[in-house]
Amino acid sequence: MPIIDVHAHWGPWPFHMDVAGARLNLELMDRYGIDLQVVSASEAVTYDAVGGNAALREVLAGEPRLRGYAVVNPNRIEESAADLRRCLDTGRFVGAKIHTTYPGRAIGSPQMREAFAMLDEAGVPLLLHTWGTDVALLPGLLADLPRLRIIVGHAGGDAWQEAAHAAADCDQLYLEHCRTVADAGRVAYARKAGVPVERLLFGTDSTLVDPCVALGVVRDADFTPAELERVLWRNAAELFGLPVSE
């Protein structure tokens, strides 16, 4: 069965970890049978969105199994909008990413609302880093943005219950459950809250986290074979328009 990882990274981080090159991405993908991986540049996330996206453009040109997220800095919307267009024009980027911590803008901030509006106009999915109860604001923020689809990265993190209810209330939200703490029952809780399997995605947080953690969460979720197909690849292929050989 194909596997698409919708939450991964490329490049060095400011931590004591050897996670810099695309070689490691591919090694981990091969180890765990991941066919395609959507990555953001760590430089773009933590320091310089435009510079990191430019570096990732060069990498993606030579790595057919990787696709890219263009990182958007909500503090520099006009610059990010122009950079997003440059990235999308390559045909190798399939969405955008916003990390709320590094730019210092909460989900409910005016800057984030402006970023959401820009992405709604662009018509591309957004992977949004979420951690905390402000994830509950997302249904209201999307009420007037009908084109924007948001992947709730880490499914709210420590606020995974709030994220589950937000996604149940808004069909523009997708849950992706990767994180370093494997709280039991997160997926089951989301499904009981009313999140359909069609809006559950598989992400690993690679290369920061070994993909075995996310695969263990999926294994313990008791999906049927048809549901597992949805979560591991079909939902992502439909959301991003990715070609996958079954």
C-alpha atoms as a PDB file:
ATOM      1  CA  MET A   1       0.000   0.000   0.000  1.00  0.00           C
ATOM      2  CA  PRO A   2       1.377   3.476  -0.848  1.00  0.00           C
ATOM      3  CA  ILE A   3       2.170   5.903   1.964  1.00  0.00           C
ATOM      4  CA  ILE A   4       2.212   9.706   1.739  1.00  0.00           C
ATOM      5  CA  ASP A   5       3.770  11.641   4.606  1.00  0.00           C
ATOM      6  CA  VAL A   6       2.205  15.113   4.765  1.00  0.00           C
ATOM      7  CA  HIS A   7       4.358  16.528   7.586  1.00  0.00           C
ATOM      8  CA  ALA A   8       8.121  16.364   7.199  1.00  0.00           C
ATOM      9  CA  HIS A   9      11.143  18.637   7.063  1.00  0.00           C
ATOM     10  CA  TRP A  10      14.307  19.144   5.090  1.00  0.00           C
ATOM     11  CA  GLY A  11      17.474  20.836   6.312  1.00  0.00           C
ATOM     12  CA  PRO A  12      19.396  21.447   9.551  1.00  0.00           C
ATOM     13  CA  TRP A  13      17.743  22.504  12.798  1.00  0.00           C
ATOM     14  CA  PRO A  14      19.246  24.505  15.699  1.00  0.00           C
ATOM     15  CA  PHE A  15      19.331  21.337  17.782  1.00  0.00           C
ATOM     16  CA  HIS A  16      22.055  18.764  18.440  1.00  0.00           C
ATOM     17  CA  MET A  17      20.813  16.409  15.746  1.00  0.00           C
ATOM     18  CA  ASP A  18      22.229  15.251  12.418  1.00  0.00           C
ATOM     19  CA  VAL A  19      19.104  15.820  10.333  1.00  0.00           C
ATOM     20  CA  ALA A  20      20.377  18.086   7.596  1.00  0.00           C
ATOM     21  CA  GLY A  21      20.271  16.398   4.198  1.00  0.00           C
ATOM     22  CA  ALA A  22      17.664  14.940   1.866  1.00  0.00           C
ATOM     23  CA  ARG A  23      19.657  11.705   2.022  1.00  0.00           C
ATOM     24  CA  LEU A  24      18.260  11.082   5.523  1.00  0.00           C
ATOM     25  CA  ASN A  25      14.708  11.847   4.365  1.00  0.00           C
ATOM     26  CA  LEU A  26      15.026   9.201   1.679  1.00  0.00           C
ATOM     27  CA  GLU A  27      16.697   6.661   3.959  1.00  0.00           C
ATOM     28  CA  LEU A  28      13.838   6.906   6.448  1.00  0.00           C
ATOM     29  CA  MET A  29      11.266   6.782   3.663  1.00  0.00           C
ATOM     30  CA  ASP A  30      12.831   3.590   2.328  1.00  0.00           C
ATOM     31  CA  ARG A  31      13.029   2.054   5.797  1.00  0.00           C
ATOM     32  CA  TYR A  32       9.316   2.515   6.427  1.00  0.00           C
ATOM     33  CA  GLY A  33       7.872   2.225   2.922  1.00  0.00           C
ATOM     34  CA  ILE A  34       6.946   5.895   2.477  1.00  0.00           C
ATOM     35  CA  ASP A  35       6.481   6.695  -1.211  1.00  0.00           C
ATOM     36  CA  LEU A  36       6.055  10.484  -1.150  1.00  0.00           C
ATOM     37  CA  GLN A  37       6.853  13.070   1.471  1.00  0.00           C
ATOM     38  CA  VAL A  38       5.818  16.730   1.672  1.00  0.00           C
ATOM     39  CA  VAL A  39       8.543  18.779   3.339  1.00  0.00           C
ATOM     40  CA  SER A  40       9.211  22.323   4.500  1.00  0.00           C
ATOM     41  CA  ALA A  41      12.682  23.825   4.828  1.00  0.00           C
ATOM     42  CA  SER A  42      13.812  24.166   8.426  1.00  0.00           C
ATOM     43  CA  GLU A  43      15.576  27.432   7.565  1.00  0.00           C
ATOM     44  CA  ALA A  44      12.301  28.804   6.238  1.00  0.00           C
ATOM     45  CA  VAL A  45      10.439  27.764   9.382  1.00  0.00           C
ATOM     46  CA  THR A  46      12.916  29.046  11.954  1.00  0.00           C
ATOM     47  CA  TYR A  47      14.735  31.972  10.380  1.00  0.00           C
ATOM     48  CA  ASP A  48      14.230  33.149   6.793  1.00  0.00           C
ATOM     49  CA  ALA A  49      11.126  32.034   4.916  1.00  0.00           C
ATOM     50  CA  VAL A  50      12.179  33.353   1.510  1.00  0.00           C
ATOM     51  CA  GLY A  51      15.770  32.103   1.753  1.00  0.00           C
ATOM     52  CA  GLY A  52      14.747  28.684   3.058  1.00  0.00           C
ATOM     53  CA  ASN A  53      12.077  28.258   0.380  1.00  0.00           C
ATOM     54  CA  ALA A  54      14.644  29.147  -2.297  1.00  0.00           C
ATOM     55  CA  ALA A  55      17.041  26.492  -0.995  1.00  0.00           C
ATOM     56  CA  LEU A  56      14.247  23.922  -0.963  1.00  0.00           C
ATOM     57  CA  ARG A  57      13.355  24.742  -4.567  1.00  0.00           C
ATOM     58  CA  GLU A  58      16.821  23.586  -5.609  1.00  0.00           C
ATOM     59  CA  VAL A  59      16.550  20.371  -3.618  1.00  0.00           C
ATOM     60  CA  LEU A  60      13.100  19.467  -4.933  1.00  0.00           C
ATOM     61  CA  ALA A  61      14.251  19.822  -8.519  1.00  0.00           C
ATOM     62  CA  GLY A  62      16.388  16.709  -8.051  1.00  0.00           C
ATOM     63  CA  GLU A  63      14.239  14.642  -5.672  1.00  0.00           C
ATOM     64  CA  PRO A  64      11.144  13.195  -7.373  1.00  0.00           C
ATOM     65  CA  ARG A  65       9.846  11.573  -4.162  1.00  0.00           C
ATOM     66  CA  LEU A  66       9.692  14.882  -2.291  1.00  0.00           C
ATOM     67  CA  ARG A  67       7.189  17.707  -2.613  1.00  0.00           C
ATOM     68  CA  GLY A  68       7.336  21.060  -0.884  1.00  0.00           C
ATOM     69  CA  TYR A  69       5.459  23.407   1.398  1.00  0.00           C
ATOM     70  CA  ALA A  70       6.296  27.073   0.874  1.00  0.00           C
ATOM     71  CA  VAL A  71       6.651  28.541   4.350  1.00  0.00           C
ATOM     72  CA  VAL A  72       4.614  31.708   4.844  1.00  0.00           C
ATOM     73  CA  ASN A  73       5.710  34.344   7.353  1.00  0.00           C
ATOM     74  CA  PRO A  74       2.545  36.028   8.701  1.00  0.00           C
ATOM     75  CA  ASN A  75       4.639  39.093   9.592  1.00  0.00           C
ATOM     76  CA  ARG A  76       5.481  39.673   5.907  1.00  0.00           C
ATOM     77  CA  ILE A  77       2.372  38.852   3.939  1.00  0.00           C
ATOM     78  CA  GLU A  78       3.150  40.651   0.672  1.00  0.00           C
ATOM     79  CA  GLU A  79       6.638  39.158   0.526  1.00  0.00           C
ATOM     80  CA  SER A  80       5.293  35.707   1.355  1.00  0.00           C
ATOM     81  CA  ALA A  81       2.525  35.947  -1.247  1.00  0.00           C
ATOM     82  CA  ALA A  82       5.036  36.706  -3.994  1.00  0.00           C
ATOM     83  CA  ASP A  83       7.338  33.946  -2.783  1.00  0.00           C
ATOM     84  CA  LEU A  84       4.464  31.448  -2.675  1.00  0.00           C
ATOM     85  CA  ARG A  85       3.739  32.163  -6.339  1.00  0.00           C
ATOM     86  CA  ARG A  86       7.402  31.568  -7.212  1.00  0.00           C
ATOM     87  CA  CYS A  87       7.341  28.244  -5.417  1.00  0.00           C
ATOM     88  CA  LEU A  88       4.055  27.069  -6.917  1.00  0.00           C
ATOM     89  CA  ASP A  89       5.242  27.973 -10.411  1.00  0.00           C
ATOM     90  CA  THR A  90       7.925  25.281 -10.164  1.00  0.00           C
ATOM     91  CA  GLY A  91       5.302  22.556  -9.984  1.00  0.00           C
ATOM     92  CA  ARG A  92       7.177  20.978  -7.063  1.00  0.00           C
ATOM     93  CA  PHE A  93       5.343  22.757  -4.229  1.00  0.00           C
ATOM     94  CA  VAL A  94       1.842  21.591  -3.321  1.00  0.00           C
ATOM     95  CA  GLY A  95       0.922  23.797  -0.374  1.00  0.00           C
ATOM     96  CA  ALA A  96       1.964  26.278   2.284  1.00  0.00           C
ATOM     97  CA  LYS A  97       3.108  25.973   5.876  1.00  0.00           C
ATOM     98  CA  ILE A  98       2.889  28.319   8.834  1.00  0.00           C
ATOM     99  CA  HIS A  99       4.595  27.665  12.153  1.00  0.00           C
ATOM    100  CA  THR A 100       2.956  29.816  14.812  1.00  0.00           C
ATOM    101  CA  THR A 101       5.812  29.720  17.340  1.00  0.00           C
ATOM    102  CA  TYR A 102       8.795  31.038  15.386  1.00  0.00           C
ATOM    103  CA  PRO A 103       7.106  34.134  13.876  1.00  0.00           C
ATOM    104  CA  GLY A 104       5.402  34.773  17.204  1.00  0.00           C
ATOM    105  CA  ARG A 105       1.849  35.036  15.863  1.00  0.00           C
ATOM    106  CA  ALA A 106      -1.022  33.183  17.484  1.00  0.00           C
ATOM    107  CA  ILE A 107      -3.799  31.592  15.458  1.00  0.00           C
ATOM    108  CA  GLY A 108      -6.247  34.359  16.336  1.00  0.00           C
ATOM    109  CA  SER A 109      -3.885  37.268  15.595  1.00  0.00           C
ATOM    110  CA  PRO A 110      -4.647  39.843  12.882  1.00  0.00           C
ATOM    111  CA  GLN A 111      -1.500  38.794  11.014  1.00  0.00           C
ATOM    112  CA  MET A 112      -2.643  35.182  10.908  1.00  0.00           C
ATOM    113  CA  ARG A 113      -6.075  36.188   9.672  1.00  0.00           C
ATOM    114  CA  GLU A 114      -4.401  38.097   6.850  1.00  0.00           C
ATOM    115  CA  ALA A 115      -2.260  35.077   6.007  1.00  0.00           C
ATOM    116  CA  PHE A 116      -5.318  32.827   5.908  1.00  0.00           C
ATOM    117  CA  ALA A 117      -7.075  35.233   3.544  1.00  0.00           C
ATOM    118  CA  MET A 118      -4.063  35.265   1.224  1.00  0.00           C
ATOM    119  CA  LEU A 119      -3.934  31.464   1.170  1.00  0.00           C
ATOM    120  CA  ASP A 120      -7.663  31.208   0.569  1.00  0.00           C
ATOM    121  CA  GLU A 121      -7.170  33.350  -2.519  1.00  0.00           C
ATOM    122  CA  ALA A 122      -4.212  31.226  -3.614  1.00  0.00           C
ATOM    123  CA  GLY A 123      -6.288  28.079  -3.269  1.00  0.00           C
ATOM    124  CA  VAL A 124      -3.599  25.816  -1.758  1.00  0.00           C
ATOM    125  CA  PRO A 125      -3.734  23.634   1.379  1.00  0.00           C
ATOM    126  CA  LEU A 126      -2.027  24.908   4.511  1.00  0.00           C
ATOM    127  CA  LEU A 127      -0.125  22.829   7.060  1.00  0.00           C
ATOM    128  CA  LEU A 128      -0.518  24.821  10.280  1.00  0.00           C
ATOM    129  CA  HIS A 129       1.567  24.071  13.356  1.00  0.00           C
ATOM    130  CA  THR A 130      -0.884  23.879  16.255  1.00  0.00           C
ATOM    131  CA  TRP A 131      -0.142  23.541  19.938  1.00  0.00           C
ATOM    132  CA  GLY A 132      -2.620  24.780  22.498  1.00  0.00           C
ATOM    133  CA  THR A 133      -6.278  25.516  22.911  1.00  0.00           C
ATOM    134  CA  ASP A 134      -6.385  28.344  20.356  1.00  0.00           C
ATOM    135  CA  VAL A 135      -6.839  25.583  17.763  1.00  0.00           C
ATOM    136  CA  ALA A 136     -10.526  25.867  18.714  1.00  0.00           C
ATOM    137  CA  LEU A 137     -10.645  29.242  16.928  1.00  0.00           C
ATOM    138  CA  LEU A 138     -10.105  27.714  13.483  1.00  0.00           C
ATOM    139  CA  PRO A 139     -13.736  26.953  12.506  1.00  0.00           C
ATOM    140  CA  GLY A 140     -14.721  30.562  13.100  1.00  0.00           C
ATOM    141  CA  LEU A 141     -11.701  31.919  11.243  1.00  0.00           C
ATOM    142  CA  LEU A 142     -12.531  29.789   8.197  1.00  0.00           C
ATOM    143  CA  ALA A 143     -16.196  30.755   8.040  1.00  0.00           C
ATOM    144  CA  ASP A 144     -15.580  33.354   5.311  1.00  0.00           C
ATOM    145  CA  LEU A 145     -12.716  31.534   3.595  1.00  0.00           C
ATOM    146  CA  PRO A 146     -14.388  28.712   1.645  1.00  0.00           C
ATOM    147  CA  ARG A 147     -11.361  27.624  -0.423  1.00  0.00           C
ATOM    148  CA  LEU A 148      -8.831  27.215   2.352  1.00  0.00           C
ATOM    149  CA  ARG A 149      -8.143  23.707   3.630  1.00  0.00           C
ATOM    150  CA  ILE A 150      -6.015  23.478   6.772  1.00  0.00           C
ATOM    151  CA  ILE A 151      -4.064  20.463   7.958  1.00  0.00           C
ATOM    152  CA  VAL A 152      -4.039  20.796  11.740  1.00  0.00           C
ATOM    153  CA  GLY A 153      -0.409  19.867  12.357  1.00  0.00           C
ATOM    154  CA  HIS A 154       0.140  17.696  15.452  1.00  0.00           C
ATOM    155  CA  ALA A 155      -3.671  17.679  15.790  1.00  0.00           C
ATOM    156  CA  GLY A 156      -3.459  20.444  18.367  1.00  0.00           C
ATOM    157  CA  GLY A 157      -0.500  18.946  20.241  1.00  0.00           C
ATOM    158  CA  ASP A 158      -1.423  18.986  23.895  1.00  0.00           C
ATOM    159  CA  ALA A 159      -4.888  20.283  22.913  1.00  0.00           C
ATOM    160  CA  TRP A 160      -5.806  17.254  20.793  1.00  0.00           C
ATOM    161  CA  GLN A 161      -9.293  17.083  22.274  1.00  0.00           C
ATOM    162  CA  GLU A 162     -10.032  20.692  21.300  1.00  0.00           C
ATOM    163  CA  ALA A 163      -8.593  20.014  17.846  1.00  0.00           C
ATOM    164  CA  ALA A 164     -10.845  17.004  17.408  1.00  0.00           C
ATOM    165  CA  HIS A 165     -13.972  19.026  18.152  1.00  0.00           C
ATOM    166  CA  ALA A 166     -12.825  21.857  15.891  1.00  0.00           C
ATOM    167  CA  ALA A 167     -12.338  19.441  12.991  1.00  0.00           C
ATOM    168  CA  ALA A 168     -15.694  17.805  13.676  1.00  0.00           C
ATOM    169  CA  ASP A 169     -17.327  21.237  13.411  1.00  0.00           C
ATOM    170  CA  CYS A 170     -15.542  22.320  10.206  1.00  0.00           C
ATOM    171  CA  ASP A 171     -15.120  20.249   7.055  1.00  0.00           C
ATOM    172  CA  GLN A 172     -12.172  22.433   5.994  1.00  0.00           C
ATOM    173  CA  LEU A 173      -9.969  21.012   8.747  1.00  0.00           C
ATOM    174  CA  TYR A 174      -7.864  17.846   8.482  1.00  0.00           C
ATOM    175  CA  LEU A 175      -6.142  16.208  11.438  1.00  0.00           C
ATOM    176  CA  GLU A 176      -2.554  14.945  11.361  1.00  0.00           C
ATOM    177  CA  HIS A 177      -1.451  13.390  14.640  1.00  0.00           C
ATOM    178  CA  CYS A 178       2.360  13.331  14.665  1.00  0.00           C
ATOM    179  CA  ARG A 179       4.081  14.355  17.897  1.00  0.00           C
ATOM    180  CA  THR A 180       6.740  13.047  20.252  1.00  0.00           C
ATOM    181  CA  VAL A 181       4.295  12.160  23.046  1.00  0.00           C
ATOM    182  CA  ALA A 182       2.088   9.258  21.991  1.00  0.00           C
ATOM    183  CA  ASP A 183      -1.028   9.946  24.072  1.00  0.00           C
ATOM    184  CA  ALA A 184      -3.256   6.902  23.841  1.00  0.00           C
ATOM    185  CA  GLY A 185      -6.625   7.198  22.143  1.00  0.00           C
ATOM    186  CA  ARG A 186      -6.117  10.441  20.208  1.00  0.00           C
ATOM    187  CA  VAL A 187      -7.398   9.048  16.913  1.00  0.00           C
ATOM    188  CA  ALA A 188     -10.261   7.182  18.540  1.00  0.00           C
ATOM    189  CA  TYR A 189     -11.292  10.367  20.359  1.00  0.00           C
ATOM    190  CA  ALA A 190     -11.327  12.344  17.121  1.00  0.00           C
ATOM    191  CA  ARG A 191     -13.462   9.763  15.380  1.00  0.00           C
ATOM    192  CA  LYS A 192     -15.899   9.589  18.288  1.00  0.00           C
ATOM    193  CA  ALA A 193     -16.119  13.398  18.196  1.00  0.00           C
ATOM    194  CA  GLY A 194     -17.284  13.145  14.584  1.00  0.00           C
ATOM    195  CA  VAL A 195     -14.179  13.603  12.423  1.00  0.00           C
ATOM    196  CA  PRO A 196     -14.627  11.382   9.340  1.00  0.00           C
ATOM    197  CA  VAL A 197     -11.804   9.145   8.186  1.00  0.00           C
ATOM    198  CA  GLU A 198     -11.695  11.175   4.959  1.00  0.00           C
ATOM    199  CA  ARG A 199     -10.151  14.044   6.933  1.00  0.00           C
ATOM    200  CA  LEU A 200      -7.425  12.126   8.730  1.00  0.00           C
ATOM    201  CA  LEU A 201      -3.914  12.313   7.267  1.00  0.00           C
ATOM    202  CA  PHE A 202      -0.605  10.603   7.970  1.00  0.00           C
ATOM    203  CA  GLY A 203       2.373  12.728   9.039  1.00  0.00           C
ATOM    204  CA  THR A 204       5.618  11.855  10.794  1.00  0.00           C
ATOM    205  CA  ASP A 205       7.508  15.054  11.725  1.00  0.00           C
ATOM    206  CA  SER A 206      10.509  13.438  10.029  1.00  0.00           C
ATOM    207  CA  THR A 207      13.397  13.969  10.192  1.00  0.00           C
ATOM    208  CA  LEU A 208      13.016  15.406  13.697  1.00  0.00           C
ATOM    209  CA  VAL A 209      11.087  12.311  14.789  1.00  0.00           C
ATOM    210  CA  ASP A 210      11.550   8.770  13.503  1.00  0.00           C
ATOM    211  CA  PRO A 211       8.509   7.780  11.391  1.00  0.00           C
ATOM    212  CA  CYS A 212       8.029   4.646  13.492  1.00  0.00           C
ATOM    213  CA  VAL A 213       6.268   6.771  16.137  1.00  0.00           C
ATOM    214  CA  ALA A 214       3.549   7.946  13.750  1.00  0.00           C
ATOM    215  CA  LEU A 215       3.241   4.485  12.224  1.00  0.00           C
ATOM    216  CA  GLY A 216       2.662   3.089  15.700  1.00  0.00           C
ATOM    217  CA  VAL A 217      -0.174   5.552  16.277  1.00  0.00           C
ATOM    218  CA  VAL A 218      -1.795   4.431  13.019  1.00  0.00           C
ATOM    219  CA  ARG A 219      -1.300   0.760  13.890  1.00  0.00           C
ATOM    220  CA  ASP A 220      -3.028   1.228  17.242  1.00  0.00           C
ATOM    221  CA  ALA A 221      -6.012   3.091  15.759  1.00  0.00           C
ATOM    222  CA  ASP A 222      -7.796  -0.083  14.606  1.00  0.00           C
ATOM    223  CA  PHE A 223      -8.530   1.146  11.102  1.00  0.00           C
ATOM    224  CA  THR A 224     -10.177  -1.219   8.654  1.00  0.00           C
ATOM    225  CA  PRO A 225      -8.146  -1.928   5.487  1.00  0.00           C
ATOM    226  CA  ALA A 226     -10.258   0.581   3.542  1.00  0.00           C
ATOM    227  CA  GLU A 227      -9.835   3.221   6.260  1.00  0.00           C
ATOM    228  CA  LEU A 228      -6.112   2.593   6.444  1.00  0.00           C
ATOM    229  CA  GLU A 229      -5.840   3.205   2.705  1.00  0.00           C
ATOM    230  CA  ARG A 230      -7.624   6.518   3.200  1.00  0.00           C
ATOM    231  CA  VAL A 231      -5.371   7.673   6.027  1.00  0.00           C
ATOM    232  CA  LEU A 232      -2.029   6.503   4.662  1.00  0.00           C
ATOM    233  CA  TRP A 233      -2.328   7.927   1.170  1.00  0.00           C
ATOM    234  CA  ARG A 234      -5.658   8.405  -0.570  1.00  0.00           C
ATOM    235  CA  ASN A 235      -6.818  11.433   1.434  1.00  0.00           C
ATOM    236  CA  ALA A 236      -3.485  13.185   0.852  1.00  0.00           C
ATOM    237  CA  ALA A 237      -3.439  12.307  -2.848  1.00  0.00           C
ATOM    238  CA  GLU A 238      -6.876  13.862  -3.274  1.00  0.00           C
ATOM    239  CA  LEU A 239      -6.110  16.944  -1.163  1.00  0.00           C
ATOM    240  CA  PHE A 240      -2.852  17.764  -2.959  1.00  0.00           C
ATOM    241  CA  GLY A 241      -3.611  16.275  -6.383  1.00  0.00           C
ATOM    242  CA  LEU A 242      -0.665  13.880  -6.145  1.00  0.00           C
ATOM    243  CA  PRO A 243      -0.121  11.024  -8.599  1.00  0.00           C
ATOM    244  CA  VAL A 244       0.192   7.709  -6.766  1.00  0.00           C
ATOM    245  CA  SER A 245       0.514   4.202  -8.194  1.00  0.00           C
ATOM    246  CA  GLU A 246      -1.654   1.771  -6.247  1.00  0.00           C
END
